[in-house]
Amino acid sequence: MNGYSAERLSAFARGAAAALLAAAIAQGSSQGATTADTLAQVNQALQSGEADKALALIRTLPQGGAQIAEAKNLECRVHYTLEQWDAAVGECEQSVRLDPQNSIDHRWLAKALGEKASRASFLSAFSLAKRVRAEFETAARLDPRNAEALSDLGDFYKDAPGVVGGGLDKAQDVAAQLDKIDGSKAHLLRARIAEARKDYVAAEREFKQAIATAVHPADLWTTLASFYHRRERWPELDSAIHNCEVAAQKDKTAGVAFYDGAGVLAESNRDPALAVKMFESYLASPSKTEEAPAFDAHVRLARLKKQLGDAAGAQHEVASALQLAHDYKPALEFGH
């Protein structure tokens, strides 16, 4: 084959396809789409797990203008889904510089820095952790009703040592703030604080209260299932996953619950056939989200199919992942 392996040719083909996609999108964009229209398309592609399409659309945008900060934030989040932490941090830093009063931008910078810190050396992680805290605190200060930023800040306080500004008492204070905004998230944070204190009875009670007070409870059943996994309470885990599946079938906006439920089953090595079914339900769902990238769902589904002896099905899922994100490392490394 003229010195080229099938794998290299496949990679070349994927790269060429991505280039053709970018060219086609650029041509369409030049035919009258506004920046706002394109940004909406980027976000739609991001939520659908179409990373290549989202990045190609971003490349058609002008490099100036009032909405460039939003474009940088979206690009950060695409790289975040691809687990490209340095690139995500770089784009989010630009969005924050361009729009320093935007709570959402500061939150995403904090999240990207946090992922980078979790993989850094001790000294680098120490410095990055302080930046993570500062960005989450800024996000919460700029918009005191940003429940996602408050939840992330509370989780940071819960997990981080005092030397970088963490502390369970600080997390409790955030839970009190969440009481006024999103009671379900307040209960969820209190559950995690109680678990950190090894008060497992209180933790279970708070997890159940989070479910009871949630508008969309399906995914919170997977959070309770994860708690049962950590406590090795297998019958309760199975029951929680069943309740998750039932709730998600009733709530058409809760597709991510299938993804998270399948993840709990896979991590606990329980019922791989049900995990396959739940991943497939997520991928067929109209409510996919960047929190559960479709290309990652395909890779995780491939692992399960391989485990169940379906080698052809596994390869099909990997190919589907690469069609959405041609350089997603876990897909490229599958089987190696």
C-alpha atoms as a PDB file:
ATOM      1  CA  MET A   1       0.000   0.000   0.000  1.00  0.00           C
ATOM      2  CA  ASN A   2       2.874   2.354  -0.897  1.00  0.00           C
ATOM      3  CA  GLY A   3       4.153   2.359   2.668  1.00  0.00           C
ATOM      4  CA  TYR A   4       0.871   3.469   4.235  1.00  0.00           C
ATOM      5  CA  SER A   5      -0.890   1.314   6.794  1.00  0.00           C
ATOM      6  CA  ALA A   6      -4.668   0.989   6.745  1.00  0.00           C
ATOM      7  CA  GLU A   7      -4.742   2.884  10.038  1.00  0.00           C
ATOM      8  CA  ARG A   8      -2.793   5.825   8.586  1.00  0.00           C
ATOM      9  CA  LEU A   9      -5.027   5.932   5.518  1.00  0.00           C
ATOM     10  CA  SER A  10      -8.075   5.876   7.763  1.00  0.00           C
ATOM     11  CA  ALA A  11      -6.691   8.790   9.768  1.00  0.00           C
ATOM     12  CA  PHE A  12      -5.947  10.661   6.533  1.00  0.00           C
ATOM     13  CA  ALA A  13      -9.497  10.047   5.327  1.00  0.00           C
ATOM     14  CA  ARG A  14     -10.947  11.367   8.570  1.00  0.00           C
ATOM     15  CA  GLY A  15      -8.795  14.477   8.358  1.00  0.00           C
ATOM     16  CA  ALA A  16      -9.810  15.051   4.750  1.00  0.00           C
ATOM     17  CA  ALA A  17     -13.462  14.620   5.664  1.00  0.00           C
ATOM     18  CA  ALA A  18     -13.093  17.183   8.426  1.00  0.00           C
ATOM     19  CA  ALA A  19     -11.480  19.631   5.984  1.00  0.00           C
ATOM     20  CA  LEU A  20     -14.295  19.126   3.472  1.00  0.00           C
ATOM     21  CA  LEU A  21     -16.836  19.677   6.227  1.00  0.00           C
ATOM     22  CA  ALA A  22     -15.153  22.951   7.196  1.00  0.00           C
ATOM     23  CA  ALA A  23     -15.129  24.091   3.565  1.00  0.00           C
ATOM     24  CA  ALA A  24     -18.801  23.252   3.091  1.00  0.00           C
ATOM     25  CA  ILE A  25     -19.761  25.059   6.269  1.00  0.00           C
ATOM     26  CA  ALA A  26     -17.672  28.080   5.316  1.00  0.00           C
ATOM     27  CA  GLN A  27     -19.432  28.254   1.961  1.00  0.00           C
ATOM     28  CA  GLY A  28     -22.826  28.060   3.613  1.00  0.00           C
ATOM     29  CA  SER A  29     -21.837  30.669   6.178  1.00  0.00           C
ATOM     30  CA  SER A  30     -20.788  33.076   3.464  1.00  0.00           C
ATOM     31  CA  GLN A  31     -24.277  32.907   1.996  1.00  0.00           C
ATOM     32  CA  GLY A  32     -25.860  35.152   4.563  1.00  0.00           C
ATOM     33  CA  ALA A  33     -25.786  33.484   7.982  1.00  0.00           C
ATOM     34  CA  THR A  34     -25.261  36.028  10.775  1.00  0.00           C
ATOM     35  CA  THR A  35     -22.768  35.575  13.575  1.00  0.00           C
ATOM     36  CA  ALA A  36     -25.641  34.921  15.979  1.00  0.00           C
ATOM     37  CA  ASP A  37     -27.008  32.221  13.671  1.00  0.00           C
ATOM     38  CA  THR A  38     -23.605  30.563  13.457  1.00  0.00           C
ATOM     39  CA  LEU A  39     -23.099  30.679  17.218  1.00  0.00           C
ATOM     40  CA  ALA A  40     -26.482  29.003  17.670  1.00  0.00           C
ATOM     41  CA  GLN A  41     -25.403  26.300  15.216  1.00  0.00           C
ATOM     42  CA  VAL A  42     -22.126  25.851  17.120  1.00  0.00           C
ATOM     43  CA  ASN A  43     -24.001  25.368  20.367  1.00  0.00           C
ATOM     44  CA  GLN A  44     -26.394  22.910  18.742  1.00  0.00           C
ATOM     45  CA  ALA A  45     -23.455  20.905  17.382  1.00  0.00           C
ATOM     46  CA  LEU A  46     -21.764  21.014  20.801  1.00  0.00           C
ATOM     47  CA  GLN A  47     -24.866  19.666  22.534  1.00  0.00           C
ATOM     48  CA  SER A  48     -25.252  16.942  19.888  1.00  0.00           C
ATOM     49  CA  GLY A  49     -21.647  15.812  20.305  1.00  0.00           C
ATOM     50  CA  GLU A  50     -20.630  16.905  16.810  1.00  0.00           C
ATOM     51  CA  ALA A  51     -17.237  18.278  17.789  1.00  0.00           C
ATOM     52  CA  ASP A  52     -15.786  18.440  14.270  1.00  0.00           C
ATOM     53  CA  LYS A  53     -18.808  20.355  13.008  1.00  0.00           C
ATOM     54  CA  ALA A  54     -18.717  22.761  15.957  1.00  0.00           C
ATOM     55  CA  LEU A  55     -15.030  23.584  15.437  1.00  0.00           C
ATOM     56  CA  ALA A  56     -15.498  23.951  11.685  1.00  0.00           C
ATOM     57  CA  LEU A  57     -18.333  26.408  12.275  1.00  0.00           C
ATOM     58  CA  ILE A  58     -16.239  28.395  14.724  1.00  0.00           C
ATOM     59  CA  ARG A  59     -13.533  28.783  12.062  1.00  0.00           C
ATOM     60  CA  THR A  60     -16.032  30.578   9.804  1.00  0.00           C
ATOM     61  CA  LEU A  61     -16.651  33.320  12.378  1.00  0.00           C
ATOM     62  CA  PRO A  62     -15.031  36.763  12.159  1.00  0.00           C
ATOM     63  CA  GLN A  63     -12.120  37.284  14.537  1.00  0.00           C
ATOM     64  CA  GLY A  64     -13.612  40.461  15.985  1.00  0.00           C
ATOM     65  CA  GLY A  65     -16.972  41.804  17.018  1.00  0.00           C
ATOM     66  CA  ALA A  66     -19.154  41.873  20.075  1.00  0.00           C
ATOM     67  CA  GLN A  67     -19.787  38.122  20.150  1.00  0.00           C
ATOM     68  CA  ILE A  68     -16.199  36.905  19.942  1.00  0.00           C
ATOM     69  CA  ALA A  69     -16.161  36.176  23.705  1.00  0.00           C
ATOM     70  CA  GLU A  70     -19.134  33.841  23.292  1.00  0.00           C
ATOM     71  CA  ALA A  71     -17.364  32.108  20.413  1.00  0.00           C
ATOM     72  CA  LYS A  72     -14.255  31.604  22.561  1.00  0.00           C
ATOM     73  CA  ASN A  73     -16.374  30.187  25.370  1.00  0.00           C
ATOM     74  CA  LEU A  74     -18.014  27.724  22.989  1.00  0.00           C
ATOM     75  CA  GLU A  75     -14.653  26.725  21.549  1.00  0.00           C
ATOM     76  CA  CYS A  76     -13.367  26.163  25.090  1.00  0.00           C
ATOM     77  CA  ARG A  77     -16.295  23.873  25.788  1.00  0.00           C
ATOM     78  CA  VAL A  78     -15.787  21.864  22.595  1.00  0.00           C
ATOM     79  CA  HIS A  79     -12.150  21.230  23.580  1.00  0.00           C
ATOM     80  CA  TYR A  80     -13.375  20.383  27.082  1.00  0.00           C
ATOM     81  CA  THR A  81     -15.615  17.621  25.719  1.00  0.00           C
ATOM     82  CA  LEU A  82     -12.643  16.333  23.701  1.00  0.00           C
ATOM     83  CA  GLU A  83     -10.548  16.216  26.917  1.00  0.00           C
ATOM     84  CA  GLN A  84      -8.072  18.683  25.398  1.00  0.00           C
ATOM     85  CA  TRP A  85      -7.493  20.569  28.618  1.00  0.00           C
ATOM     86  CA  ASP A  86      -4.712  22.960  27.547  1.00  0.00           C
ATOM     87  CA  ALA A  87      -6.689  24.089  24.511  1.00  0.00           C
ATOM     88  CA  ALA A  88      -9.839  24.465  26.625  1.00  0.00           C
ATOM     89  CA  VAL A  89      -8.012  26.615  29.193  1.00  0.00           C
ATOM     90  CA  GLY A  90      -6.519  28.798  26.455  1.00  0.00           C
ATOM     91  CA  GLU A  91      -9.871  29.531  24.815  1.00  0.00           C
ATOM     92  CA  CYS A  92     -11.644  30.147  28.122  1.00  0.00           C
ATOM     93  CA  GLU A  93      -8.892  32.519  29.238  1.00  0.00           C
ATOM     94  CA  GLN A  94      -9.541  34.526  26.084  1.00  0.00           C
ATOM     95  CA  SER A  95     -13.306  34.581  26.682  1.00  0.00           C
ATOM     96  CA  VAL A  96     -12.760  35.871  30.226  1.00  0.00           C
ATOM     97  CA  ARG A  97     -10.368  38.575  29.020  1.00  0.00           C
ATOM     98  CA  LEU A  98     -12.890  39.684  26.400  1.00  0.00           C
ATOM     99  CA  ASP A  99     -15.900  39.617  28.751  1.00  0.00           C
ATOM    100  CA  PRO A 100     -14.619  39.779  32.343  1.00  0.00           C
ATOM    101  CA  GLN A 101     -18.086  40.329  33.867  1.00  0.00           C
ATOM    102  CA  ASN A 102     -19.550  37.106  32.471  1.00  0.00           C
ATOM    103  CA  SER A 103     -20.260  34.543  35.209  1.00  0.00           C
ATOM    104  CA  ILE A 104     -20.626  31.672  32.737  1.00  0.00           C
ATOM    105  CA  ASP A 105     -17.208  32.309  31.198  1.00  0.00           C
ATOM    106  CA  HIS A 106     -15.489  32.331  34.596  1.00  0.00           C
ATOM    107  CA  ARG A 107     -17.224  29.082  35.561  1.00  0.00           C
ATOM    108  CA  TRP A 108     -16.015  27.304  32.419  1.00  0.00           C
ATOM    109  CA  LEU A 109     -12.478  28.577  32.904  1.00  0.00           C
ATOM    110  CA  ALA A 110     -12.568  27.179  36.436  1.00  0.00           C
ATOM    111  CA  LYS A 111     -13.797  23.809  35.164  1.00  0.00           C
ATOM    112  CA  ALA A 112     -11.084  23.606  32.501  1.00  0.00           C
ATOM    113  CA  LEU A 113      -8.391  24.621  34.997  1.00  0.00           C
ATOM    114  CA  GLY A 114      -9.698  21.988  37.402  1.00  0.00           C
ATOM    115  CA  GLU A 115      -9.342  19.216  34.838  1.00  0.00           C
ATOM    116  CA  LYS A 116      -5.839  20.412  34.008  1.00  0.00           C
ATOM    117  CA  ALA A 117      -4.944  20.527  37.715  1.00  0.00           C
ATOM    118  CA  SER A 118      -6.126  16.965  38.278  1.00  0.00           C
ATOM    119  CA  ARG A 119      -3.476  15.763  35.816  1.00  0.00           C
ATOM    120  CA  ALA A 120      -0.632  18.120  36.788  1.00  0.00           C
ATOM    121  CA  SER A 121       2.391  17.646  39.013  1.00  0.00           C
ATOM    122  CA  PHE A 122       1.972  18.512  42.686  1.00  0.00           C
ATOM    123  CA  LEU A 123       3.457  22.000  42.435  1.00  0.00           C
ATOM    124  CA  SER A 124       1.548  22.881  39.293  1.00  0.00           C
ATOM    125  CA  ALA A 125      -1.675  21.456  40.724  1.00  0.00           C
ATOM    126  CA  PHE A 126      -1.284  23.601  43.853  1.00  0.00           C
ATOM    127  CA  SER A 127      -1.028  26.782  41.789  1.00  0.00           C
ATOM    128  CA  LEU A 128      -3.839  25.768  39.446  1.00  0.00           C
ATOM    129  CA  ALA A 129      -6.143  24.855  42.346  1.00  0.00           C
ATOM    130  CA  LYS A 130      -5.920  28.384  43.702  1.00  0.00           C
ATOM    131  CA  ARG A 131      -6.883  29.703  40.275  1.00  0.00           C
ATOM    132  CA  VAL A 132      -9.812  27.269  40.127  1.00  0.00           C
ATOM    133  CA  ARG A 133     -11.101  28.575  43.455  1.00  0.00           C
ATOM    134  CA  ALA A 134     -10.717  32.197  42.366  1.00  0.00           C
ATOM    135  CA  GLU A 135     -12.591  31.602  39.100  1.00  0.00           C
ATOM    136  CA  PHE A 136     -15.471  29.742  40.759  1.00  0.00           C
ATOM    137  CA  GLU A 137     -15.723  32.449  43.404  1.00  0.00           C
ATOM    138  CA  THR A 138     -15.761  35.125  40.706  1.00  0.00           C
ATOM    139  CA  ALA A 139     -18.472  33.271  38.780  1.00  0.00           C
ATOM    140  CA  ALA A 140     -20.627  33.059  41.918  1.00  0.00           C
ATOM    141  CA  ARG A 141     -20.003  36.704  42.820  1.00  0.00           C
ATOM    142  CA  LEU A 142     -20.856  38.018  39.357  1.00  0.00           C
ATOM    143  CA  ASP A 143     -24.155  36.107  39.312  1.00  0.00           C
ATOM    144  CA  PRO A 144     -25.294  35.019  42.803  1.00  0.00           C
ATOM    145  CA  ARG A 145     -28.190  33.134  41.165  1.00  0.00           C
ATOM    146  CA  ASN A 146     -25.971  31.009  38.938  1.00  0.00           C
ATOM    147  CA  ALA A 147     -26.859  27.676  40.568  1.00  0.00           C
ATOM    148  CA  GLU A 148     -24.338  25.732  38.468  1.00  0.00           C
ATOM    149  CA  ALA A 149     -21.489  28.028  39.537  1.00  0.00           C
ATOM    150  CA  LEU A 150     -22.545  27.827  43.184  1.00  0.00           C
ATOM    151  CA  SER A 151     -22.770  24.030  43.005  1.00  0.00           C
ATOM    152  CA  ASP A 152     -19.308  23.814  41.460  1.00  0.00           C
ATOM    153  CA  LEU A 153     -17.920  26.196  44.096  1.00  0.00           C
ATOM    154  CA  GLY A 154     -19.483  24.107  46.862  1.00  0.00           C
ATOM    155  CA  ASP A 155     -17.958  20.935  45.420  1.00  0.00           C
ATOM    156  CA  PHE A 156     -14.571  22.656  45.237  1.00  0.00           C
ATOM    157  CA  TYR A 157     -14.767  23.702  48.882  1.00  0.00           C
ATOM    158  CA  LYS A 158     -15.818  20.153  49.816  1.00  0.00           C
ATOM    159  CA  ASP A 159     -12.952  18.469  47.983  1.00  0.00           C
ATOM    160  CA  ALA A 160     -10.062  20.923  48.305  1.00  0.00           C
ATOM    161  CA  PRO A 161      -7.697  21.085  51.276  1.00  0.00           C
ATOM    162  CA  GLY A 162      -7.670  24.187  53.426  1.00  0.00           C
ATOM    163  CA  VAL A 163      -4.265  25.244  52.101  1.00  0.00           C
ATOM    164  CA  VAL A 164      -5.884  26.166  48.751  1.00  0.00           C
ATOM    165  CA  GLY A 165      -9.060  27.572  50.280  1.00  0.00           C
ATOM    166  CA  GLY A 166     -11.213  24.479  50.714  1.00  0.00           C
ATOM    167  CA  GLY A 167     -13.276  23.504  53.726  1.00  0.00           C
ATOM    168  CA  LEU A 168     -16.527  21.728  54.582  1.00  0.00           C
ATOM    169  CA  ASP A 169     -17.834  24.723  56.532  1.00  0.00           C
ATOM    170  CA  LYS A 170     -17.442  26.869  53.413  1.00  0.00           C
ATOM    171  CA  ALA A 171     -19.316  24.244  51.435  1.00  0.00           C
ATOM    172  CA  GLN A 172     -22.141  24.360  53.979  1.00  0.00           C
ATOM    173  CA  ASP A 173     -22.389  28.115  53.503  1.00  0.00           C
ATOM    174  CA  VAL A 174     -22.780  27.594  49.752  1.00  0.00           C
ATOM    175  CA  ALA A 175     -25.529  25.026  50.381  1.00  0.00           C
ATOM    176  CA  ALA A 176     -27.388  27.698  52.374  1.00  0.00           C
ATOM    177  CA  GLN A 177     -27.118  30.049  49.385  1.00  0.00           C
ATOM    178  CA  LEU A 178     -28.445  27.317  47.096  1.00  0.00           C
ATOM    179  CA  ASP A 179     -31.493  26.874  49.352  1.00  0.00           C
ATOM    180  CA  LYS A 180     -32.791  30.186  47.978  1.00  0.00           C
ATOM    181  CA  ILE A 181     -32.158  29.293  44.327  1.00  0.00           C
ATOM    182  CA  ASP A 182     -32.336  25.543  43.728  1.00  0.00           C
ATOM    183  CA  GLY A 183     -33.354  23.356  46.647  1.00  0.00           C
ATOM    184  CA  SER A 184     -32.480  20.132  44.852  1.00  0.00           C
ATOM    185  CA  LYS A 185     -28.900  21.270  44.262  1.00  0.00           C
ATOM    186  CA  ALA A 186     -28.687  22.359  47.913  1.00  0.00           C
ATOM    187  CA  HIS A 187     -29.682  18.863  49.058  1.00  0.00           C
ATOM    188  CA  LEU A 188     -27.216  17.322  46.618  1.00  0.00           C
ATOM    189  CA  LEU A 189     -24.342  19.420  47.970  1.00  0.00           C
ATOM    190  CA  ARG A 190     -25.311  18.595  51.560  1.00  0.00           C
ATOM    191  CA  ALA A 191     -25.344  14.897  50.642  1.00  0.00           C
ATOM    192  CA  ARG A 192     -21.791  15.139  49.356  1.00  0.00           C
ATOM    193  CA  ILE A 193     -20.686  17.060  52.441  1.00  0.00           C
ATOM    194  CA  ALA A 194     -22.254  14.423  54.709  1.00  0.00           C
ATOM    195  CA  GLU A 195     -20.525  11.666  52.742  1.00  0.00           C
ATOM    196  CA  ALA A 196     -17.203  13.483  53.088  1.00  0.00           C
ATOM    197  CA  ARG A 197     -17.824  13.496  56.859  1.00  0.00           C
ATOM    198  CA  LYS A 198     -18.615   9.758  56.712  1.00  0.00           C
ATOM    199  CA  ASP A 199     -22.181  10.409  57.856  1.00  0.00           C
ATOM    200  CA  TYR A 200     -23.656   7.973  55.379  1.00  0.00           C
ATOM    201  CA  VAL A 201     -27.148   7.972  56.862  1.00  0.00           C
ATOM    202  CA  ALA A 202     -27.424  11.741  56.418  1.00  0.00           C
ATOM    203  CA  ALA A 203     -25.862  11.496  52.951  1.00  0.00           C
ATOM    204  CA  GLU A 204     -28.447   8.973  51.772  1.00  0.00           C
ATOM    205  CA  ARG A 205     -31.259  11.076  53.219  1.00  0.00           C
ATOM    206  CA  GLU A 206     -30.019  14.193  51.405  1.00  0.00           C
ATOM    207  CA  PHE A 207     -29.562  12.347  48.103  1.00  0.00           C
ATOM    208  CA  LYS A 208     -33.191  11.182  48.354  1.00  0.00           C
ATOM    209  CA  GLN A 209     -34.330  14.724  49.220  1.00  0.00           C
ATOM    210  CA  ALA A 210     -32.517  15.999  46.127  1.00  0.00           C
ATOM    211  CA  ILE A 211     -34.528  13.537  44.031  1.00  0.00           C
ATOM    212  CA  ALA A 212     -37.800  14.418  45.757  1.00  0.00           C
ATOM    213  CA  THR A 213     -37.392  18.166  45.169  1.00  0.00           C
ATOM    214  CA  ALA A 214     -36.011  18.037  41.611  1.00  0.00           C
ATOM    215  CA  VAL A 215     -38.053  19.168  38.611  1.00  0.00           C
ATOM    216  CA  HIS A 216     -36.236  16.562  36.501  1.00  0.00           C
ATOM    217  CA  PRO A 217     -35.238  13.770  38.921  1.00  0.00           C
ATOM    218  CA  ALA A 218     -34.126  11.063  36.466  1.00  0.00           C
ATOM    219  CA  ASP A 219     -30.401  11.816  36.536  1.00  0.00           C
ATOM    220  CA  LEU A 220     -30.370  12.258  40.311  1.00  0.00           C
ATOM    221  CA  TRP A 221     -31.282   8.577  40.612  1.00  0.00           C
ATOM    222  CA  THR A 222     -27.897   7.851  39.013  1.00  0.00           C
ATOM    223  CA  THR A 223     -26.228  10.053  41.639  1.00  0.00           C
ATOM    224  CA  LEU A 224     -27.870   7.959  44.354  1.00  0.00           C
ATOM    225  CA  ALA A 225     -26.828   4.803  42.477  1.00  0.00           C
ATOM    226  CA  SER A 226     -23.212   6.040  42.503  1.00  0.00           C
ATOM    227  CA  PHE A 227     -23.475   6.491  46.272  1.00  0.00           C
ATOM    228  CA  TYR A 228     -24.689   2.890  46.605  1.00  0.00           C
ATOM    229  CA  HIS A 229     -21.789   1.787  44.400  1.00  0.00           C
ATOM    230  CA  ARG A 230     -19.302   3.439  46.749  1.00  0.00           C
ATOM    231  CA  ARG A 231     -21.027   1.761  49.717  1.00  0.00           C
ATOM    232  CA  GLU A 232     -21.210  -1.594  47.863  1.00  0.00           C
ATOM    233  CA  ARG A 233     -24.961  -1.760  48.390  1.00  0.00           C
ATOM    234  CA  TRP A 234     -25.783  -3.675  45.236  1.00  0.00           C
ATOM    235  CA  PRO A 235     -29.553  -4.295  45.560  1.00  0.00           C
ATOM    236  CA  GLU A 236     -30.115  -0.588  46.283  1.00  0.00           C
ATOM    237  CA  LEU A 237     -27.919   0.325  43.298  1.00  0.00           C
ATOM    238  CA  ASP A 238     -30.002  -1.895  41.026  1.00  0.00           C
ATOM    239  CA  SER A 239     -33.215  -0.331  42.339  1.00  0.00           C
ATOM    240  CA  ALA A 240     -31.913   3.203  41.815  1.00  0.00           C
ATOM    241  CA  ILE A 241     -30.900   2.411  38.217  1.00  0.00           C
ATOM    242  CA  HIS A 242     -34.360   0.957  37.587  1.00  0.00           C
ATOM    243  CA  ASN A 243     -35.950   4.150  38.925  1.00  0.00           C
ATOM    244  CA  CYS A 244     -33.604   6.210  36.757  1.00  0.00           C
ATOM    245  CA  GLU A 245     -34.645   4.289  33.658  1.00  0.00           C
ATOM    246  CA  VAL A 246     -38.364   4.662  34.438  1.00  0.00           C
ATOM    247  CA  ALA A 247     -38.039   8.395  35.138  1.00  0.00           C
ATOM    248  CA  ALA A 248     -35.957   9.003  32.004  1.00  0.00           C
ATOM    249  CA  GLN A 249     -38.517   7.223  29.820  1.00  0.00           C
ATOM    250  CA  LYS A 250     -41.199   9.595  31.130  1.00  0.00           C
ATOM    251  CA  ASP A 251     -39.087  12.761  30.821  1.00  0.00           C
ATOM    252  CA  LYS A 252     -38.039  13.425  27.222  1.00  0.00           C
ATOM    253  CA  THR A 253     -35.554  16.086  28.395  1.00  0.00           C
ATOM    254  CA  ALA A 254     -33.657  13.619  30.597  1.00  0.00           C
ATOM    255  CA  GLY A 255     -31.630  11.703  28.038  1.00  0.00           C
ATOM    256  CA  VAL A 256     -28.408  12.256  29.992  1.00  0.00           C
ATOM    257  CA  ALA A 257     -29.818   9.991  32.740  1.00  0.00           C
ATOM    258  CA  PHE A 258     -29.445   7.027  30.362  1.00  0.00           C
ATOM    259  CA  TYR A 259     -25.784   7.944  29.801  1.00  0.00           C
ATOM    260  CA  ASP A 260     -25.022   8.380  33.489  1.00  0.00           C
ATOM    261  CA  GLY A 261     -26.976   5.285  34.486  1.00  0.00           C
ATOM    262  CA  ALA A 262     -25.079   3.202  31.951  1.00  0.00           C
ATOM    263  CA  GLY A 263     -21.844   4.647  33.302  1.00  0.00           C
ATOM    264  CA  VAL A 264     -22.674   3.562  36.850  1.00  0.00           C
ATOM    265  CA  LEU A 265     -23.464   0.046  35.655  1.00  0.00           C
ATOM    266  CA  ALA A 266     -20.222  -0.139  33.655  1.00  0.00           C
ATOM    267  CA  GLU A 267     -18.090   1.156  36.535  1.00  0.00           C
ATOM    268  CA  SER A 268     -19.664  -1.303  38.978  1.00  0.00           C
ATOM    269  CA  ASN A 269     -19.444  -4.239  36.527  1.00  0.00           C
ATOM    270  CA  ARG A 270     -23.176  -4.892  36.758  1.00  0.00           C
ATOM    271  CA  ASP A 271     -25.595  -5.861  33.996  1.00  0.00           C
ATOM    272  CA  PRO A 272     -23.554  -4.901  30.901  1.00  0.00           C
ATOM    273  CA  ALA A 273     -26.522  -5.722  28.653  1.00  0.00           C
ATOM    274  CA  LEU A 274     -28.638  -3.096  30.426  1.00  0.00           C
ATOM    275  CA  ALA A 275     -25.737  -0.642  30.215  1.00  0.00           C
ATOM    276  CA  VAL A 276     -25.631  -1.206  26.437  1.00  0.00           C
ATOM    277  CA  LYS A 277     -29.365  -0.596  26.223  1.00  0.00           C
ATOM    278  CA  MET A 278     -29.084   2.649  28.212  1.00  0.00           C
ATOM    279  CA  PHE A 279     -26.194   3.996  26.134  1.00  0.00           C
ATOM    280  CA  GLU A 280     -28.174   3.201  22.975  1.00  0.00           C
ATOM    281  CA  SER A 281     -31.225   4.959  24.447  1.00  0.00           C
ATOM    282  CA  TYR A 282     -29.092   8.028  25.119  1.00  0.00           C
ATOM    283  CA  LEU A 283     -27.692   8.088  21.597  1.00  0.00           C
ATOM    284  CA  ALA A 284     -31.229   7.803  20.198  1.00  0.00           C
ATOM    285  CA  SER A 285     -32.459  10.561  22.498  1.00  0.00           C
ATOM    286  CA  PRO A 286     -33.248  14.069  21.167  1.00  0.00           C
ATOM    287  CA  SER A 287     -31.897  15.561  24.406  1.00  0.00           C
ATOM    288  CA  LYS A 288     -28.183  14.855  24.139  1.00  0.00           C
ATOM    289  CA  THR A 289     -25.884  17.295  25.919  1.00  0.00           C
ATOM    290  CA  GLU A 290     -22.265  18.394  26.115  1.00  0.00           C
ATOM    291  CA  GLU A 291     -22.193  16.952  29.651  1.00  0.00           C
ATOM    292  CA  ALA A 292     -22.339  13.526  27.994  1.00  0.00           C
ATOM    293  CA  PRO A 293     -20.673  13.856  24.571  1.00  0.00           C
ATOM    294  CA  ALA A 294     -22.193  11.510  22.013  1.00  0.00           C
ATOM    295  CA  PHE A 295     -18.757  10.472  20.748  1.00  0.00           C
ATOM    296  CA  ASP A 296     -17.777   9.431  24.267  1.00  0.00           C
ATOM    297  CA  ALA A 297     -21.020   7.463  24.592  1.00  0.00           C
ATOM    298  CA  HIS A 298     -20.085   5.595  21.400  1.00  0.00           C
ATOM    299  CA  VAL A 299     -16.640   4.721  22.802  1.00  0.00           C
ATOM    300  CA  ARG A 300     -18.043   3.558  26.116  1.00  0.00           C
ATOM    301  CA  LEU A 301     -20.635   1.525  24.257  1.00  0.00           C
ATOM    302  CA  ALA A 302     -17.834   0.011  22.156  1.00  0.00           C
ATOM    303  CA  ARG A 303     -16.058  -1.159  25.324  1.00  0.00           C
ATOM    304  CA  LEU A 304     -19.220  -2.870  26.532  1.00  0.00           C
ATOM    305  CA  LYS A 305     -19.866  -4.525  23.173  1.00  0.00           C
ATOM    306  CA  LYS A 306     -16.289  -5.782  23.097  1.00  0.00           C
ATOM    307  CA  GLN A 307     -16.757  -7.140  26.623  1.00  0.00           C
ATOM    308  CA  LEU A 308     -19.882  -8.964  25.455  1.00  0.00           C
ATOM    309  CA  GLY A 309     -18.012 -10.483  22.486  1.00  0.00           C
ATOM    310  CA  ASP A 310     -19.460  -8.230  19.771  1.00  0.00           C
ATOM    311  CA  ALA A 311     -16.211  -7.162  18.078  1.00  0.00           C
ATOM    312  CA  ALA A 312     -17.933  -5.907  14.914  1.00  0.00           C
ATOM    313  CA  GLY A 313     -20.397  -3.865  16.953  1.00  0.00           C
ATOM    314  CA  ALA A 314     -17.535  -2.382  18.947  1.00  0.00           C
ATOM    315  CA  GLN A 315     -15.718  -1.271  15.805  1.00  0.00           C
ATOM    316  CA  HIS A 316     -18.929   0.244  14.431  1.00  0.00           C
ATOM    317  CA  GLU A 317     -19.285   2.354  17.593  1.00  0.00           C
ATOM    318  CA  VAL A 318     -15.666   3.535  17.379  1.00  0.00           C
ATOM    319  CA  ALA A 319     -16.203   4.529  13.745  1.00  0.00           C
ATOM    320  CA  SER A 320     -19.337   6.444  14.768  1.00  0.00           C
ATOM    321  CA  ALA A 321     -17.349   8.278  17.438  1.00  0.00           C
ATOM    322  CA  LEU A 322     -14.642   9.271  14.959  1.00  0.00           C
ATOM    323  CA  GLN A 323     -17.233  10.596  12.520  1.00  0.00           C
ATOM    324  CA  LEU A 324     -18.258  13.080  15.214  1.00  0.00           C
ATOM    325  CA  ALA A 325     -14.778  13.828  16.586  1.00  0.00           C
ATOM    326  CA  HIS A 326     -11.993  12.626  14.315  1.00  0.00           C
ATOM    327  CA  ASP A 327      -9.194  13.205  16.856  1.00  0.00           C
ATOM    328  CA  TYR A 328     -10.910  12.003  20.054  1.00  0.00           C
ATOM    329  CA  LYS A 329      -8.030  10.178  21.711  1.00  0.00           C
ATOM    330  CA  PRO A 330      -9.968   7.379  23.474  1.00  0.00           C
ATOM    331  CA  ALA A 331     -11.544   6.429  20.138  1.00  0.00           C
ATOM    332  CA  LEU A 332      -8.209   6.514  18.305  1.00  0.00           C
ATOM    333  CA  GLU A 333      -6.615   4.366  21.009  1.00  0.00           C
ATOM    334  CA  PHE A 334      -9.452   1.849  21.219  1.00  0.00           C
ATOM    335  CA  GLY A 335      -8.146  -1.694  21.088  1.00  0.00           C
ATOM    336  CA  HIS A 336      -4.483  -0.712  21.498  1.00  0.00           C
END
